[in-house]
C-alpha atoms as a PDB file:
ATOM      1  CA  MET A   1      31.194 -70.720 -69.722  1.00  0.00           C
ATOM      2  CA  ALA A   2      30.148 -72.985 -72.561  1.00  0.00           C
ATOM      3  CA  PHE A   3      27.322 -72.143 -74.963  1.00  0.00           C
ATOM      4  CA  VAL A   4      24.447 -74.637 -75.277  1.00  0.00           C
ATOM      5  CA  CYS A   5      21.824 -75.047 -77.981  1.00  0.00           C
ATOM      6  CA  SER A   6      18.893 -77.355 -77.349  1.00  0.00           C
ATOM      7  CA  ALA A   7      17.006 -77.757 -80.618  1.00  0.00           C
ATOM      8  CA  THR A   8      13.700 -79.449 -81.327  1.00  0.00           C
ATOM      9  CA  TRP A   9      12.920 -80.317 -84.909  1.00  0.00           C
ATOM     10  CA  THR A  10       9.510 -81.601 -85.946  1.00  0.00           C
ATOM     11  CA  ALA A  11       9.487 -83.207 -89.370  1.00  0.00           C
ATOM     12  CA  LYS A  12       6.642 -82.737 -91.812  1.00  0.00           C
ATOM     13  CA  GLU A  13       4.420 -85.784 -92.110  1.00  0.00           C
ATOM     14  CA  GLY A  14       6.242 -88.381 -94.202  1.00  0.00           C
ATOM     15  CA  SER A  15       9.651 -86.670 -93.862  1.00  0.00           C
ATOM     16  CA  ALA A  16      11.029 -88.194 -90.643  1.00  0.00           C
ATOM     17  CA  HIS A  17      13.236 -90.620 -92.583  1.00  0.00           C
ATOM     18  CA  ILE A  18      14.821 -87.724 -94.497  1.00  0.00           C
ATOM     19  CA  VAL A  19      15.566 -85.775 -91.299  1.00  0.00           C
ATOM     20  CA  ALA A  20      16.945 -88.901 -89.595  1.00  0.00           C
ATOM     21  CA  GLU A  21      19.233 -89.597 -92.545  1.00  0.00           C
ATOM     22  CA  ALA A  22      20.533 -86.016 -92.538  1.00  0.00           C
ATOM     23  CA  LEU A  23      21.241 -86.178 -88.796  1.00  0.00           C
ATOM     24  CA  LYS A  24      23.167 -89.443 -89.236  1.00  0.00           C
ATOM     25  CA  HIS A  25      25.643 -87.424 -91.304  1.00  0.00           C
ATOM     26  CA  LEU A  26      25.405 -84.056 -89.546  1.00  0.00           C
ATOM     27  CA  SER A  27      26.018 -85.333 -86.012  1.00  0.00           C
ATOM     28  CA  PRO A  28      29.424 -86.993 -86.464  1.00  0.00           C
ATOM     29  CA  ALA A  29      30.640 -84.195 -88.727  1.00  0.00           C
ATOM     30  CA  SER A  30      29.606 -81.557 -86.174  1.00  0.00           C
ATOM     31  CA  ARG A  31      31.578 -83.356 -83.463  1.00  0.00           C
ATOM     32  CA  THR A  32      34.762 -82.689 -85.433  1.00  0.00           C
ATOM     33  CA  GLU A  33      34.348 -78.902 -85.324  1.00  0.00           C
ATOM     34  CA  GLU A  34      37.089 -77.099 -83.438  1.00  0.00           C
ATOM     35  CA  GLY A  35      34.738 -75.387 -80.950  1.00  0.00           C
ATOM     36  CA  ASN A  36      32.345 -78.299 -80.429  1.00  0.00           C
ATOM     37  CA  ILE A  37      32.296 -79.990 -77.028  1.00  0.00           C
ATOM     38  CA  TYR A  38      29.230 -82.237 -77.467  1.00  0.00           C
ATOM     39  CA  TYR A  39      26.684 -82.889 -80.219  1.00  0.00           C
ATOM     40  CA  GLN A  40      23.989 -85.539 -80.002  1.00  0.00           C
ATOM     41  CA  ALA A  41      20.741 -85.969 -81.928  1.00  0.00           C
ATOM     42  CA  TYR A  42      17.782 -87.975 -80.604  1.00  0.00           C
ATOM     43  CA  GLN A  43      14.544 -89.219 -82.133  1.00  0.00           C
ATOM     44  CA  ASP A  44      11.489 -89.582 -79.914  1.00  0.00           C
ATOM     45  CA  PRO A  45      10.304 -93.217 -80.197  1.00  0.00           C
ATOM     46  CA  SER A  46       6.759 -92.263 -79.172  1.00  0.00           C
ATOM     47  CA  ALA A  47       6.621 -89.352 -81.652  1.00  0.00           C
ATOM     48  CA  PRO A  48       8.933 -90.316 -84.533  1.00  0.00           C
ATOM     49  CA  ASN A  49       8.555 -86.961 -86.298  1.00  0.00           C
ATOM     50  CA  THR A  50      10.210 -85.255 -83.299  1.00  0.00           C
ATOM     51  CA  PHE A  51      13.968 -84.905 -83.102  1.00  0.00           C
ATOM     52  CA  ARG A  52      16.013 -83.196 -80.412  1.00  0.00           C
ATOM     53  CA  ILE A  53      19.581 -82.044 -80.811  1.00  0.00           C
ATOM     54  CA  PHE A  54      21.725 -81.184 -77.807  1.00  0.00           C
ATOM     55  CA  GLU A  55      24.795 -79.129 -78.710  1.00  0.00           C
ATOM     56  CA  VAL A  56      27.541 -77.696 -76.500  1.00  0.00           C
ATOM     57  CA  TYR A  57      30.224 -75.344 -77.831  1.00  0.00           C
ATOM     58  CA  LYS A  58      33.165 -73.667 -76.127  1.00  0.00           C
ATOM     59  CA  ASP A  59      31.486 -70.275 -76.699  1.00  0.00           C
ATOM     60  CA  GLU A  60      28.829 -68.513 -78.765  1.00  0.00           C
ATOM     61  CA  ALA A  61      31.310 -67.766 -81.543  1.00  0.00           C
ATOM     62  CA  ALA A  62      31.930 -71.503 -81.988  1.00  0.00           C
ATOM     63  CA  PHE A  63      28.179 -72.075 -82.205  1.00  0.00           C
ATOM     64  CA  LYS A  64      27.845 -69.380 -84.870  1.00  0.00           C
ATOM     65  CA  ALA A  65      30.776 -70.905 -86.780  1.00  0.00           C
ATOM     66  CA  HIS A  66      28.869 -74.214 -86.846  1.00  0.00           C
ATOM     67  CA  ALA A  67      26.479 -72.748 -89.434  1.00  0.00           C
ATOM     68  CA  GLU A  68      29.393 -71.929 -91.748  1.00  0.00           C
ATOM     69  CA  TYR A  69      30.708 -75.478 -92.093  1.00  0.00           C
ATOM     70  CA  GLU A  70      30.025 -77.297 -95.351  1.00  0.00           C
ATOM     71  CA  HIS A  71      28.472 -80.284 -93.556  1.00  0.00           C
ATOM     72  CA  PHE A  72      25.900 -77.970 -91.911  1.00  0.00           C
ATOM     73  CA  LYS A  73      25.047 -76.385 -95.244  1.00  0.00           C
ATOM     74  CA  GLU A  74      24.677 -79.778 -96.913  1.00  0.00           C
ATOM     75  CA  TRP A  75      22.880 -81.854 -94.276  1.00  0.00           C
ATOM     76  CA  ALA A  76      20.987 -79.249 -92.208  1.00  0.00           C
ATOM     77  CA  LEU A  77      20.201 -76.428 -94.630  1.00  0.00           C
ATOM     78  CA  GLY A  78      20.151 -78.560 -97.764  1.00  0.00           C
ATOM     79  CA  MET A  79      18.367 -81.672 -96.544  1.00  0.00           C
ATOM     80  CA  ALA A  80      16.792 -81.611 -93.054  1.00  0.00           C
ATOM     81  CA  ILE A  81      15.539 -78.067 -92.458  1.00  0.00           C
ATOM     82  CA  PRO A  82      13.420 -77.911 -95.643  1.00  0.00           C
ATOM     83  CA  GLU A  83      11.595 -81.022 -94.345  1.00  0.00           C
ATOM     84  CA  LEU A  84      10.686 -79.472 -90.979  1.00  0.00           C
ATOM     85  CA  GLU A  85       7.306 -78.298 -89.830  1.00  0.00           C
ATOM     86  CA  VAL A  86       8.818 -76.738 -86.683  1.00  0.00           C
ATOM     87  CA  ARG A  87      12.373 -75.696 -85.843  1.00  0.00           C
ATOM     88  CA  GLN A  88      12.793 -74.472 -82.280  1.00  0.00           C
ATOM     89  CA  ARG A  89      16.089 -73.568 -80.662  1.00  0.00           C
ATOM     90  CA  ASP A  90      16.731 -72.618 -77.032  1.00  0.00           C
ATOM     91  CA  PHE A  91      20.061 -71.218 -75.901  1.00  0.00           C
ATOM     92  CA  TYR A  92      21.847 -71.449 -72.570  1.00  0.00           C
ATOM     93  CA  GLU A  93      25.203 -70.865 -70.913  1.00  0.00           C
ATOM     94  CA  THR A  94      26.639 -73.387 -68.513  1.00  0.00           C
ATOM     95  CA  LEU A  95      27.043 -72.352 -64.888  1.00  0.00           C
ATOM     96  CA  ASP A  96      30.425 -73.967 -64.389  1.00  0.00           C
ATOM     97  CA  VAL A  97      33.593 -73.325 -66.345  1.00  0.00           C
END
């Protein structure tokens, strides 16, 4: 079974452009990770401070490894996450193999 993370990030007022810029770099870099199956970020057009990130990894270990990559440290930890008002993550496992 694959491991899924569905994240919702809400940017602080005035910081949506910073979060969007970070995700423009983080998303393609995350797709190159060995254990990544799918990674896509979205911005809500009706609530531009709200971003959703849908991530699928081959297993939980691959998801945990995601946080150790330099691109995650630079773009997520170093740029986007400090600009968030809310960071919510929900985790799932797929039903099919």
